[in-house]
Amino acid sequence: MKSLLSLRSLATACLLGLVAASAQAGEAPFDATAFDAAVAAGKPAAVHFHADWCPTCRAQAPLLRELMSEPRFKDLTLFVADYDRESELKRRLKVAQQSTLVVFKGGREVARSTGQTRKEALAELLGKAL
């Protein structure tokens, strides 16, 4: 019985570690709790309002993935929010259009862009979070 409890504790700890690691940096699906925690803690974060039907969003996605794999962005978390489903977040951040990126540093918004598809400009935008 004791070994079963130890296995459960280990599994729970591993799962919590994975959740915490995914919320710390890199690209992650939008999660309100993780996003609010990152911003409240003043961690570098950005939200990409993505829609699968949007050609601009589809052009941005691979560029953002490439940028997020670069070492300089290792501490940045890019939350990918579904433009069609995250109505509350859109209202809260005053986002009116898909393909919008909102960047946070030190717990506050520091930059935003809509429709940008140049890798260099996206890198500069994300860099404002660091």
C-alpha atoms as a PDB file:
ATOM      1  CA  MET A   1       0.000   0.000   0.000  1.00  0.00           C
ATOM      2  CA  LYS A   2       2.836   2.369   0.890  1.00  0.00           C
ATOM      3  CA  SER A   3       4.513   1.771  -2.487  1.00  0.00           C
ATOM      4  CA  LEU A   4       1.243   2.527  -4.305  1.00  0.00           C
ATOM      5  CA  LEU A   5       0.996   5.843  -2.458  1.00  0.00           C
ATOM      6  CA  SER A   6       4.605   6.616  -3.347  1.00  0.00           C
ATOM      7  CA  LEU A   7       3.912   5.916  -7.021  1.00  0.00           C
ATOM      8  CA  ARG A   8       0.844   8.156  -6.948  1.00  0.00           C
ATOM      9  CA  SER A   9       2.829  10.927  -5.262  1.00  0.00           C
ATOM     10  CA  LEU A  10       5.594  10.588  -7.833  1.00  0.00           C
ATOM     11  CA  ALA A  11       3.118  10.643 -10.721  1.00  0.00           C
ATOM     12  CA  THR A  12       1.370  13.707  -9.285  1.00  0.00           C
ATOM     13  CA  ALA A  13       4.680  15.499  -8.790  1.00  0.00           C
ATOM     14  CA  CYS A  14       5.742  14.718 -12.367  1.00  0.00           C
ATOM     15  CA  LEU A  15       2.437  15.956 -13.759  1.00  0.00           C
ATOM     16  CA  LEU A  16       2.635  19.180 -11.751  1.00  0.00           C
ATOM     17  CA  GLY A  17       6.213  19.667 -12.922  1.00  0.00           C
ATOM     18  CA  LEU A  18       5.176  19.289 -16.555  1.00  0.00           C
ATOM     19  CA  VAL A  19       2.324  21.764 -16.140  1.00  0.00           C
ATOM     20  CA  ALA A  20       4.604  24.279 -14.407  1.00  0.00           C
ATOM     21  CA  ALA A  21       7.321  23.891 -17.034  1.00  0.00           C
ATOM     22  CA  SER A  22       4.903  24.399 -19.901  1.00  0.00           C
ATOM     23  CA  ALA A  23       3.559  27.547 -18.257  1.00  0.00           C
ATOM     24  CA  GLN A  24       7.033  28.988 -17.706  1.00  0.00           C
ATOM     25  CA  ALA A  25       8.371  29.471 -21.195  1.00  0.00           C
ATOM     26  CA  GLY A  26       7.844  28.522 -24.811  1.00  0.00           C
ATOM     27  CA  GLU A  27       4.668  28.337 -26.836  1.00  0.00           C
ATOM     28  CA  ALA A  28       1.546  27.149 -25.011  1.00  0.00           C
ATOM     29  CA  PRO A  29      -2.184  27.053 -25.690  1.00  0.00           C
ATOM     30  CA  PHE A  30      -3.885  29.898 -23.830  1.00  0.00           C
ATOM     31  CA  ASP A  31      -4.812  29.016 -20.271  1.00  0.00           C
ATOM     32  CA  ALA A  32      -6.311  31.852 -18.211  1.00  0.00           C
ATOM     33  CA  THR A  33      -4.794  30.680 -14.925  1.00  0.00           C
ATOM     34  CA  ALA A  34      -1.289  30.252 -16.334  1.00  0.00           C
ATOM     35  CA  PHE A  35      -1.496  33.543 -18.239  1.00  0.00           C
ATOM     36  CA  ASP A  36      -2.742  35.505 -15.212  1.00  0.00           C
ATOM     37  CA  ALA A  37      -0.037  33.933 -13.025  1.00  0.00           C
ATOM     38  CA  ALA A  38       2.718  34.785 -15.513  1.00  0.00           C
ATOM     39  CA  VAL A  39       1.588  38.403 -15.881  1.00  0.00           C
ATOM     40  CA  ALA A  40       1.034  38.825 -12.112  1.00  0.00           C
ATOM     41  CA  ALA A  41       4.546  37.496 -11.486  1.00  0.00           C
ATOM     42  CA  GLY A  42       5.947  39.966 -14.018  1.00  0.00           C
ATOM     43  CA  LYS A  43       7.269  37.221 -16.269  1.00  0.00           C
ATOM     44  CA  PRO A  44       7.832  37.891 -19.973  1.00  0.00           C
ATOM     45  CA  ALA A  45       4.692  36.832 -21.819  1.00  0.00           C
ATOM     46  CA  ALA A  46       2.819  37.419 -25.042  1.00  0.00           C
ATOM     47  CA  VAL A  47      -0.572  36.411 -26.390  1.00  0.00           C
ATOM     48  CA  HIS A  48      -1.107  35.575 -30.051  1.00  0.00           C
ATOM     49  CA  PHE A  49      -4.765  35.790 -31.077  1.00  0.00           C
ATOM     50  CA  HIS A  50      -4.841  33.075 -33.716  1.00  0.00           C
ATOM     51  CA  ALA A  51      -7.654  31.871 -35.978  1.00  0.00           C
ATOM     52  CA  ASP A  52      -7.179  28.768 -38.136  1.00  0.00           C
ATOM     53  CA  TRP A  53      -9.189  30.390 -40.960  1.00  0.00           C
ATOM     54  CA  CYS A  54      -6.958  33.500 -41.008  1.00  0.00           C
ATOM     55  CA  PRO A  55      -4.219  33.516 -43.697  1.00  0.00           C
ATOM     56  CA  THR A  56      -2.194  36.097 -41.758  1.00  0.00           C
ATOM     57  CA  CYS A  57      -2.326  33.956 -38.611  1.00  0.00           C
ATOM     58  CA  ARG A  58      -1.208  30.936 -40.635  1.00  0.00           C
ATOM     59  CA  ALA A  59       1.735  32.978 -41.941  1.00  0.00           C
ATOM     60  CA  GLN A  60       2.647  34.159 -38.424  1.00  0.00           C
ATOM     61  CA  ALA A  61       2.509  30.727 -36.750  1.00  0.00           C
ATOM     62  CA  PRO A  62       5.684  29.146 -38.208  1.00  0.00           C
ATOM     63  CA  LEU A  63       7.626  32.388 -37.738  1.00  0.00           C
ATOM     64  CA  LEU A  64       6.595  32.585 -34.097  1.00  0.00           C
ATOM     65  CA  ARG A  65       7.505  28.912 -33.562  1.00  0.00           C
ATOM     66  CA  GLU A  66      10.952  29.562 -35.053  1.00  0.00           C
ATOM     67  CA  LEU A  67      11.471  32.609 -32.869  1.00  0.00           C
ATOM     68  CA  MET A  68      10.324  30.821 -29.736  1.00  0.00           C
ATOM     69  CA  SER A  69      12.944  28.114 -30.354  1.00  0.00           C
ATOM     70  CA  GLU A  70      15.732  30.706 -30.242  1.00  0.00           C
ATOM     71  CA  PRO A  71      17.725  30.875 -26.973  1.00  0.00           C
ATOM     72  CA  ARG A  72      17.051  34.592 -26.491  1.00  0.00           C
ATOM     73  CA  PHE A  73      13.335  33.856 -26.040  1.00  0.00           C
ATOM     74  CA  LYS A  74      13.816  30.947 -23.607  1.00  0.00           C
ATOM     75  CA  ASP A  75      12.181  32.858 -20.737  1.00  0.00           C
ATOM     76  CA  LEU A  76       9.222  34.133 -22.758  1.00  0.00           C
ATOM     77  CA  THR A  77       5.888  32.326 -22.765  1.00  0.00           C
ATOM     78  CA  LEU A  78       3.824  32.788 -25.926  1.00  0.00           C
ATOM     79  CA  PHE A  79       0.199  31.963 -25.211  1.00  0.00           C
ATOM     80  CA  VAL A  80      -1.771  31.069 -28.339  1.00  0.00           C
ATOM     81  CA  ALA A  81      -5.378  32.157 -27.861  1.00  0.00           C
ATOM     82  CA  ASP A  82      -8.165  30.974 -30.149  1.00  0.00           C
ATOM     83  CA  TYR A  83      -9.566  34.214 -31.534  1.00  0.00           C
ATOM     84  CA  ASP A  84     -13.032  32.711 -31.996  1.00  0.00           C
ATOM     85  CA  ARG A  85     -13.295  31.264 -28.478  1.00  0.00           C
ATOM     86  CA  GLU A  86     -11.491  33.637 -26.106  1.00  0.00           C
ATOM     87  CA  SER A  87     -14.143  36.374 -26.006  1.00  0.00           C
ATOM     88  CA  GLU A  88     -13.434  37.382 -22.410  1.00  0.00           C
ATOM     89  CA  LEU A  89      -9.705  37.760 -23.099  1.00  0.00           C
ATOM     90  CA  LYS A  90     -10.415  39.795 -26.250  1.00  0.00           C
ATOM     91  CA  ARG A  91     -12.622  42.151 -24.229  1.00  0.00           C
ATOM     92  CA  ARG A  92     -10.116  42.408 -21.402  1.00  0.00           C
ATOM     93  CA  LEU A  93      -7.194  43.206 -23.714  1.00  0.00           C
ATOM     94  CA  LYS A  94      -9.316  45.243 -26.162  1.00  0.00           C
ATOM     95  CA  VAL A  95      -8.401  43.077 -29.142  1.00  0.00           C
ATOM     96  CA  ALA A  96     -10.637  43.587 -32.167  1.00  0.00           C
ATOM     97  CA  GLN A  97      -8.831  41.550 -34.803  1.00  0.00           C
ATOM     98  CA  GLN A  98      -7.229  38.149 -35.231  1.00  0.00           C
ATOM     99  CA  SER A  99      -3.448  38.019 -35.887  1.00  0.00           C
ATOM    100  CA  THR A 100      -2.898  40.384 -32.947  1.00  0.00           C
ATOM    101  CA  LEU A 101       0.058  39.906 -30.614  1.00  0.00           C
ATOM    102  CA  VAL A 102       0.022  41.543 -27.178  1.00  0.00           C
ATOM    103  CA  VAL A 103       3.332  41.618 -25.276  1.00  0.00           C
ATOM    104  CA  PHE A 104       3.786  41.894 -21.489  1.00  0.00           C
ATOM    105  CA  LYS A 105       6.792  42.766 -19.344  1.00  0.00           C
ATOM    106  CA  GLY A 106       6.851  43.418 -15.632  1.00  0.00           C
ATOM    107  CA  GLY A 107       3.141  42.727 -15.320  1.00  0.00           C
ATOM    108  CA  ARG A 108       1.959  45.271 -17.867  1.00  0.00           C
ATOM    109  CA  GLU A 109       1.399  45.518 -21.607  1.00  0.00           C
ATOM    110  CA  VAL A 110       4.440  46.984 -23.366  1.00  0.00           C
ATOM    111  CA  ALA A 111       3.651  46.423 -27.053  1.00  0.00           C
ATOM    112  CA  ARG A 112       1.128  45.086 -29.538  1.00  0.00           C
ATOM    113  CA  SER A 113       0.888  44.463 -33.248  1.00  0.00           C
ATOM    114  CA  THR A 114      -1.767  43.263 -35.664  1.00  0.00           C
ATOM    115  CA  GLY A 115      -1.093  41.540 -38.970  1.00  0.00           C
ATOM    116  CA  GLN A 116       2.700  41.582 -38.792  1.00  0.00           C
ATOM    117  CA  THR A 117       4.310  38.794 -40.861  1.00  0.00           C
ATOM    118  CA  ARG A 118       7.945  39.906 -41.084  1.00  0.00           C
ATOM    119  CA  LYS A 119      10.129  37.708 -38.882  1.00  0.00           C
ATOM    120  CA  GLU A 120      12.457  40.565 -37.922  1.00  0.00           C
ATOM    121  CA  ALA A 121       9.540  42.759 -36.834  1.00  0.00           C
ATOM    122  CA  LEU A 122       8.008  39.892 -34.830  1.00  0.00           C
ATOM    123  CA  ALA A 123      11.383  39.289 -33.149  1.00  0.00           C
ATOM    124  CA  GLU A 124      11.624  42.971 -32.232  1.00  0.00           C
ATOM    125  CA  LEU A 125       8.075  42.911 -30.881  1.00  0.00           C
ATOM    126  CA  LEU A 126       8.650  39.803 -28.735  1.00  0.00           C
ATOM    127  CA  GLY A 127      11.986  41.235 -27.594  1.00  0.00           C
ATOM    128  CA  LYS A 128      10.124  44.013 -25.801  1.00  0.00           C
ATOM    129  CA  ALA A 129       9.014  41.439 -23.238  1.00  0.00           C
ATOM    130  CA  LEU A 130      12.606  40.674 -22.226  1.00  0.00           C
END
